Structures are given as structure tokens and as C-alpha cells.
Amino acid sequence: MLARTVGEQVLAQGPEIVFAGVQTVLDSADVLVGNLECALTAGGERQSKSYTFAAPPETAQALGLAGFDVLSLANNHSMDYGSQGLLDTRANLDQVGIASVGAGVDATEARSPVILERNGLRLAFLAYMDVPAEFTGFDAQSWIATASQPGIAWADLDQIKTDVAAARLQADVVVVLLHSGFEIFDAITSTQRAEAHAAIDAGAALVVGSHPHILQIIEQYQGGLIAYSLGNFVFDDYKGLLNASIILRVVLTPAGVESYDYVPILIENGLPMITSIDHARGIETLIAP
């Protein structure tokens, strides 16, 4: 989330300030992937909902300097400033060489995989959102992309299975980015689990989750790996352990997930910093295939 005080820091100190505290870890990645939970726009129409995040377009440079390859826009803030805000975000990411997934000018584009090749391994990325309606009445399902309307990809179980199976035919490994669950709730919901399991059952090797704003468990399931929520990373206005998170590192081969580990981080003034304090202990659990 690059809006509010984070955007102010970028405008005052330059885009390199955002990831300076973790750049040594990010530089080690062959492919760097994340969830962009704001619009990168100076225009668009502010939507009627609890929180709306519009980051200065200049913040796209921070993401480019960090080395991100793919960012998910399948979340409940990518259209905070309407369709124009979404299109601006995609254009600003494109200018710094970052692919976006999980949103598009229509349903076909929103559900299409981003495919990259690194070190001879062909990777397909898909992204979906499924969040509850707000107490204000705003329902993110109004943002679902249609045949004639820009929007996001919704985490329909049958569609996930269809999309993953199709992507598996185009790539060695499929990775699904899933924005689901309840905010500030460390227990996995039955919906989160069903969506993640559906992706793995259909052929995905890895599912990485967001939305709860708190670390949740990492589960091994049917030969695949599911990180239900990596918590916060770049985000201001949170207190205590909600500012403790991780950078997940996964080694992928044509056979799937070979291994994984993580680097603990703490968020200071909205920005991530590497720490030696492992607040993530206990998030790992093993589920027998």
C-alpha cells in the first residue's frame, strides 16, 4: 500500500526509500511477486467505501527499483478510484516493466495468466479476490470483470479449477495469488481453505494469500504449498505485531515446490525492515498429502 504517509515519503525522499530496508533480500529473487493494495493514479473517481487508497503515480518507480516482476491487482483496493484508477495503475506498472495479474479490461484479461520464464522454468501466475461486503454496504463483487466491464477476477471455485488447469498446460509451475479471508483474524476461514485447496487440486504448486493483514499458517497440502496470509509489508497505520511479517522465499522446480524459508521483517513508519526477531514462529504446519 503506497498511499497516505508512504506516498508522502516517496515524494519527499525519493522512490528508493520504500524498500531500502529489505532490498538485499529482494535482490536475491529470480522472480519477485507481490500484492499491490492501492491504485497508482492521480485521477479516477473515489469509490464510496470505508478506505480508499490512491498512491502518487511516482510510487511505481519504487516498485520498479525493488525489482518486482508480477503484482496482483485482485484485491479490494485496486479499484478504489474506479475503472480509470485501475487502468492508470496498469499503465503505470507497465511503464516500469511490471506485469499485473487478476484484473483487466474485461473478464478474459482479468482471468488470464501472466507467464514468465526464468532459468529454463516456465511459470504461470493467476490471482483472485474473495472478501466479504463492508459494514458500509460496499460489496467488492461489484468490481468483478465482465465481458464488457473492467474489473477483477473473483475466486469462484469452478473458475479457479478451470483457469489453473488451463495455465498448467502452458507452464511448468502455476502460482495462485489469493486475496481472501477476514481482516485481523488469524484463523483460516473455510472459504480460504476451499479456494486454496481447489487451486492445488487443479495443478497449482503454490498459493500465496493476502487480505487478513496478519500472518497466518503455512500449509503443505497434496504436494503443494499454501501461505494463507503473509500479513502486511508496506503499510502504515498498524500497531504492534500487525507490523511483524515475513518475506517468503520458495524454490520451484518442474516438480513443484522443492523448499521454502522466510526472512522476518518489521514495519517502521510504514516501511519494511529486516529484523533478527522472528515473530513468525509457529506459522508453519505440516498437513500430510
Protein backbone atom coordinates (compact mmCIF):
# COMPACT_ATOMS: atom_id res chain seq x y z
CA MET A 1 0.00 0.00 0.00
CA LEU A 2 1.83 3.07 -1.29
CA ALA A 3 -0.72 5.76 -0.43
CA ARG A 4 -1.01 8.06 2.64
CA THR A 5 2.27 8.55 4.53
CA VAL A 6 4.15 6.08 2.33
CA GLY A 7 3.38 8.15 -0.75
CA GLU A 8 4.40 11.28 1.13
CA GLN A 9 7.77 9.71 1.94
CA VAL A 10 8.30 8.82 -1.72
CA LEU A 11 7.57 12.38 -2.85
CA ALA A 12 9.82 13.84 -0.14
CA GLN A 13 12.75 11.39 -0.18
CA GLY A 14 12.56 9.50 -3.47
CA PRO A 15 11.20 6.11 -4.54
CA GLU A 16 14.20 4.11 -3.29
CA ILE A 17 13.15 4.82 0.33
CA VAL A 18 10.30 2.27 0.25
CA PHE A 19 12.23 -0.99 0.00
CA ALA A 20 15.70 0.14 1.12
CA GLY A 21 15.42 -1.85 4.35
CA VAL A 22 14.81 -5.16 2.56
CA GLN A 23 16.43 -4.64 -0.83
CA THR A 24 19.28 -7.10 -0.19
CA VAL A 25 16.71 -9.89 0.19
CA LEU A 26 14.62 -8.78 -2.79
CA ASP A 27 17.73 -8.69 -4.98
CA SER A 28 18.28 -12.41 -4.40
CA ALA A 29 14.99 -13.38 -6.06
CA ASP A 30 14.85 -14.75 -9.60
CA VAL A 31 11.17 -13.72 -9.69
CA LEU A 32 9.70 -11.17 -7.28
CA VAL A 33 5.93 -11.20 -6.74
CA GLY A 34 3.60 -9.20 -4.50
CA ASN A 35 0.11 -7.80 -3.93
CA LEU A 36 -0.44 -4.11 -4.75
CA GLU A 37 -3.20 -2.89 -2.48
CA CYS A 38 -3.86 0.58 -3.88
CA ALA A 39 -4.42 2.44 -7.11
CA LEU A 40 -1.49 4.24 -8.70
CA THR A 41 -3.37 7.21 -10.05
CA ALA A 42 -3.85 10.95 -9.91
CA GLY A 43 -7.35 10.70 -11.33
CA GLY A 44 -10.36 8.43 -11.35
CA GLU A 45 -13.48 8.68 -9.19
CA ARG A 46 -13.19 7.88 -5.49
CA GLN A 47 -15.48 4.98 -4.59
CA SER A 48 -17.91 5.01 -1.67
CA LYS A 49 -16.27 2.60 0.79
CA SER A 50 -14.52 2.55 4.15
CA TYR A 51 -10.93 3.08 2.97
CA THR A 52 -9.70 4.28 -0.40
CA PHE A 53 -6.03 4.31 -1.35
CA ALA A 54 -4.65 6.36 -4.24
CA ALA A 55 -0.86 6.43 -4.35
CA PRO A 56 1.06 9.01 -6.37
CA PRO A 57 1.95 7.60 -9.81
CA GLU A 58 5.61 8.27 -8.88
CA THR A 59 5.43 5.34 -6.45
CA ALA A 60 5.50 2.96 -9.42
CA GLN A 61 9.21 3.78 -9.57
CA ALA A 62 9.63 2.31 -6.08
CA LEU A 63 8.19 -0.99 -7.28
CA GLY A 64 10.37 -0.95 -10.39
CA LEU A 65 13.54 -0.20 -8.40
CA ALA A 66 12.66 -3.01 -5.97
CA GLY A 67 12.66 -5.45 -8.88
CA PHE A 68 9.06 -6.67 -8.84
CA ASP A 69 8.13 -8.84 -11.81
CA VAL A 70 4.44 -9.53 -11.10
CA LEU A 71 1.90 -7.74 -8.90
CA SER A 72 -1.63 -8.90 -8.13
CA LEU A 73 -4.43 -6.38 -8.55
CA ALA A 74 -7.11 -8.86 -7.45
CA ASN A 75 -7.88 -7.11 -4.18
CA ASN A 76 -10.37 -4.74 -2.57
CA HIS A 77 -8.36 -1.56 -3.24
CA SER A 78 -7.19 -1.79 -6.85
CA MET A 79 -10.41 -0.11 -7.99
CA ASP A 80 -10.72 2.41 -5.16
CA TYR A 81 -10.72 5.09 -7.85
CA GLY A 82 -12.88 3.27 -10.32
CA SER A 83 -12.11 1.78 -13.69
CA GLN A 84 -9.93 4.74 -14.61
CA GLY A 85 -7.85 4.26 -11.49
CA LEU A 86 -7.38 0.59 -12.38
CA LEU A 87 -6.35 1.39 -15.94
CA ASP A 88 -3.94 4.07 -14.69
CA THR A 89 -2.42 1.57 -12.28
CA ARG A 90 -1.85 -0.99 -15.02
CA ALA A 91 -0.33 1.65 -17.29
CA ASN A 92 1.99 2.94 -14.57
CA LEU A 93 3.16 -0.59 -13.77
CA ASP A 94 3.70 -1.31 -17.45
CA GLN A 95 5.93 1.75 -17.74
CA VAL A 96 8.33 0.29 -15.16
CA GLY A 97 8.22 -3.21 -16.63
CA ILE A 98 5.94 -4.89 -14.09
CA ALA A 99 3.20 -7.30 -15.16
CA SER A 100 -0.15 -7.15 -13.37
CA VAL A 101 -2.48 -10.10 -12.85
CA GLY A 102 -6.00 -10.64 -11.55
CA ALA A 103 -7.56 -7.55 -13.12
CA GLY A 104 -8.11 -6.30 -16.64
CA VAL A 105 -10.23 -4.51 -19.19
CA ASP A 106 -12.62 -7.47 -19.24
CA ALA A 107 -13.16 -10.88 -17.67
CA THR A 108 -10.92 -12.69 -20.13
CA GLU A 109 -7.96 -10.45 -19.36
CA ALA A 110 -8.61 -10.48 -15.60
CA ARG A 111 -8.50 -14.29 -15.58
CA SER A 112 -5.57 -14.68 -17.97
CA PRO A 113 -2.27 -15.87 -16.52
CA VAL A 114 0.96 -13.91 -16.58
CA ILE A 115 3.62 -16.27 -17.88
CA LEU A 116 7.33 -15.76 -17.22
CA GLU A 117 10.38 -17.90 -17.83
CA ARG A 118 13.40 -17.93 -15.53
CA ASN A 119 16.37 -20.29 -15.60
CA GLY A 120 14.52 -22.57 -18.01
CA LEU A 121 11.43 -22.80 -15.77
CA ARG A 122 8.13 -21.57 -17.20
CA LEU A 123 5.87 -20.02 -14.53
CA ALA A 124 2.19 -19.05 -14.77
CA PHE A 125 0.64 -16.61 -12.28
CA LEU A 126 -3.10 -16.21 -11.60
CA ALA A 127 -4.82 -14.01 -9.00
CA TYR A 128 -8.27 -13.88 -7.40
CA MET A 129 -10.20 -11.98 -4.74
CA ASP A 130 -12.96 -13.04 -2.35
CA VAL A 131 -13.64 -10.65 0.52
CA PRO A 132 -16.84 -10.04 2.50
CA ALA A 133 -19.04 -6.98 1.99
CA GLU A 134 -18.18 -3.99 4.18
CA PHE A 135 -20.40 -2.74 7.01
CA THR A 136 -20.91 0.38 4.87
CA GLY A 137 -22.68 -1.77 2.30
CA PHE A 138 -19.86 -1.73 -0.24
CA ASP A 139 -19.52 -5.14 -1.90
CA ALA A 140 -16.34 -5.86 -3.87
CA GLN A 141 -18.32 -8.22 -6.08
CA SER A 142 -19.45 -5.07 -7.88
CA TRP A 143 -15.89 -4.92 -9.21
CA ILE A 144 -15.98 -8.32 -10.92
CA ALA A 145 -14.79 -8.02 -14.52
CA THR A 146 -17.36 -8.91 -17.17
CA ALA A 147 -17.30 -9.33 -20.94
CA SER A 148 -17.75 -5.57 -21.30
CA GLN A 149 -16.56 -4.10 -17.99
CA PRO A 150 -13.07 -3.70 -16.49
CA GLY A 151 -12.58 -5.30 -13.10
CA ILE A 152 -11.04 -8.04 -11.02
CA ALA A 153 -11.13 -11.84 -11.04
CA TRP A 154 -13.38 -13.31 -8.33
CA ALA A 155 -12.38 -16.52 -6.56
CA ASP A 156 -15.12 -18.78 -7.87
CA LEU A 157 -14.11 -22.37 -7.13
CA ASP A 158 -15.04 -23.79 -10.52
CA GLN A 159 -13.36 -20.92 -12.33
CA ILE A 160 -10.18 -21.34 -10.29
CA LYS A 161 -10.05 -25.00 -11.22
CA THR A 162 -10.64 -24.27 -14.89
CA ASP A 163 -8.08 -21.45 -15.03
CA VAL A 164 -5.38 -23.37 -13.16
CA ALA A 165 -5.82 -26.46 -15.31
CA ALA A 166 -5.55 -24.34 -18.47
CA ALA A 167 -2.48 -22.49 -17.16
CA ARG A 168 -0.85 -25.78 -16.23
CA LEU A 169 -0.88 -26.69 -19.93
CA GLN A 170 1.12 -23.53 -20.68
CA ALA A 171 3.67 -23.66 -17.87
CA ASP A 172 5.80 -25.95 -15.73
CA VAL A 173 4.53 -24.38 -12.49
CA VAL A 174 1.36 -22.47 -11.61
CA VAL A 175 1.28 -19.93 -8.75
CA VAL A 176 -2.02 -18.54 -7.46
CA LEU A 177 -2.25 -15.25 -5.55
CA LEU A 178 -5.38 -15.25 -3.39
CA HIS A 179 -6.90 -12.24 -1.62
CA SER A 180 -9.34 -13.83 0.81
CA GLY A 181 -10.31 -14.24 4.47
CA PHE A 182 -11.18 -11.82 7.28
CA GLU A 183 -9.14 -8.80 8.29
CA ILE A 184 -7.18 -9.02 11.58
CA PHE A 185 -8.28 -12.63 12.01
CA ASP A 186 -5.53 -15.22 12.36
CA ALA A 187 -7.74 -18.28 11.88
CA ILE A 188 -8.15 -19.69 8.39
CA THR A 189 -11.74 -19.50 7.14
CA SER A 190 -13.38 -22.46 5.46
CA THR A 191 -13.67 -20.35 2.29
CA GLN A 192 -9.95 -19.54 2.24
CA ARG A 193 -9.08 -23.19 2.67
CA ALA A 194 -11.52 -24.36 -0.01
CA GLU A 195 -10.20 -21.85 -2.54
CA ALA A 196 -6.56 -22.65 -1.85
CA HIS A 197 -7.16 -26.40 -1.90
CA ALA A 198 -9.07 -26.08 -5.18
CA ALA A 199 -6.08 -24.37 -6.77
CA ILE A 200 -3.67 -27.07 -5.60
CA ASP A 201 -6.04 -29.87 -6.57
CA ALA A 202 -6.27 -28.39 -10.08
CA GLY A 203 -2.49 -28.36 -10.52
CA ALA A 204 -1.07 -25.25 -8.81
CA ALA A 205 2.16 -25.74 -6.88
CA LEU A 206 1.95 -22.63 -4.70
CA VAL A 207 -0.80 -20.40 -3.28
CA VAL A 208 0.15 -17.12 -1.60
CA GLY A 209 -2.55 -15.25 0.30
CA SER A 210 -3.28 -11.73 1.47
CA HIS A 211 -6.09 -9.58 2.95
CA PRO A 212 -6.14 -10.57 6.67
CA HIS A 213 -3.31 -8.06 7.45
CA ILE A 214 -1.86 -10.62 9.86
CA LEU A 215 0.38 -13.66 9.44
CA GLN A 216 -1.47 -16.95 9.05
CA ILE A 217 -0.25 -20.51 8.82
CA ILE A 218 1.74 -22.09 6.00
CA GLU A 219 0.27 -25.41 4.99
CA GLN A 220 1.67 -28.28 2.95
CA TYR A 221 -1.18 -29.87 1.03
CA GLN A 222 -1.17 -32.58 -1.63
CA GLY A 223 2.40 -31.79 -2.61
CA GLY A 224 1.69 -28.06 -2.86
CA LEU A 225 2.37 -25.14 -0.51
CA ILE A 226 -0.18 -22.64 0.79
CA ALA A 227 0.79 -19.47 2.65
CA TYR A 228 -2.66 -18.26 3.69
CA SER A 229 -1.61 -14.71 4.58
CA LEU A 230 1.79 -13.01 4.65
CA GLY A 231 0.37 -10.13 6.67
CA ASN A 232 1.48 -6.55 6.00
CA PHE A 233 4.65 -5.44 4.19
CA VAL A 234 4.46 -1.80 3.10
CA PHE A 235 1.56 -0.37 5.11
CA ASP A 236 1.17 2.47 7.57
CA ASP A 237 -1.23 2.97 10.50
CA TYR A 238 -0.94 -0.51 12.07
CA LYS A 239 0.20 -1.22 15.64
CA GLY A 240 2.16 -3.93 17.46
CA LEU A 241 2.56 -7.37 15.93
CA LEU A 242 0.50 -6.38 12.90
CA ASN A 243 3.77 -4.73 11.84
CA ALA A 244 5.61 -8.08 12.04
CA SER A 245 5.71 -10.07 8.85
CA ILE A 246 7.91 -12.13 6.55
CA ILE A 247 9.36 -12.30 3.08
CA LEU A 248 8.53 -15.78 1.83
CA ARG A 249 11.20 -17.44 -0.31
CA VAL A 250 10.24 -20.51 -2.34
CA VAL A 251 12.43 -22.71 -4.53
CA LEU A 252 10.45 -24.01 -7.51
CA THR A 253 11.37 -26.77 -9.96
CA PRO A 254 9.38 -28.51 -12.71
CA ALA A 255 8.22 -30.89 -9.97
CA GLY A 256 6.78 -28.01 -7.91
CA VAL A 257 7.91 -26.64 -4.54
CA GLU A 258 11.34 -28.01 -3.67
CA SER A 259 11.81 -25.99 -0.46
CA TYR A 260 10.91 -22.76 1.25
CA ASP A 261 12.01 -20.46 4.04
CA TYR A 262 11.34 -16.89 5.13
CA VAL A 263 13.05 -13.70 6.27
CA PRO A 264 11.38 -11.92 9.21
CA ILE A 265 10.69 -8.20 8.84
CA LEU A 266 9.26 -5.39 10.94
CA ILE A 267 7.44 -2.38 9.53
CA GLU A 268 8.66 1.02 10.69
CA ASN A 269 6.89 4.19 9.56
CA GLY A 270 5.02 2.06 7.03
CA LEU A 271 8.21 0.62 5.50
CA PRO A 272 9.66 -2.92 5.87
CA MET A 273 12.99 -3.56 7.59
CA ILE A 274 14.86 -6.86 8.01
CA THR A 275 14.95 -7.96 11.64
CA SER A 276 16.61 -10.75 13.60
CA ILE A 277 13.49 -11.10 15.73
CA ASP A 278 11.39 -13.95 14.37
CA HIS A 279 7.80 -13.04 15.21
CA ALA A 280 6.59 -15.60 12.67
CA ARG A 281 7.45 -18.67 14.75
CA GLY A 282 4.55 -21.07 14.82
CA ILE A 283 3.06 -20.17 11.43
CA GLU A 284 4.33 -23.37 9.83
CA THR A 285 2.28 -26.54 10.00
CA LEU A 286 2.50 -29.79 8.09
CA ILE A 287 -0.54 -31.41 6.52
CA ALA A 288 0.11 -34.90 5.21
CA PRO A 289 -0.72 -35.40 1.50
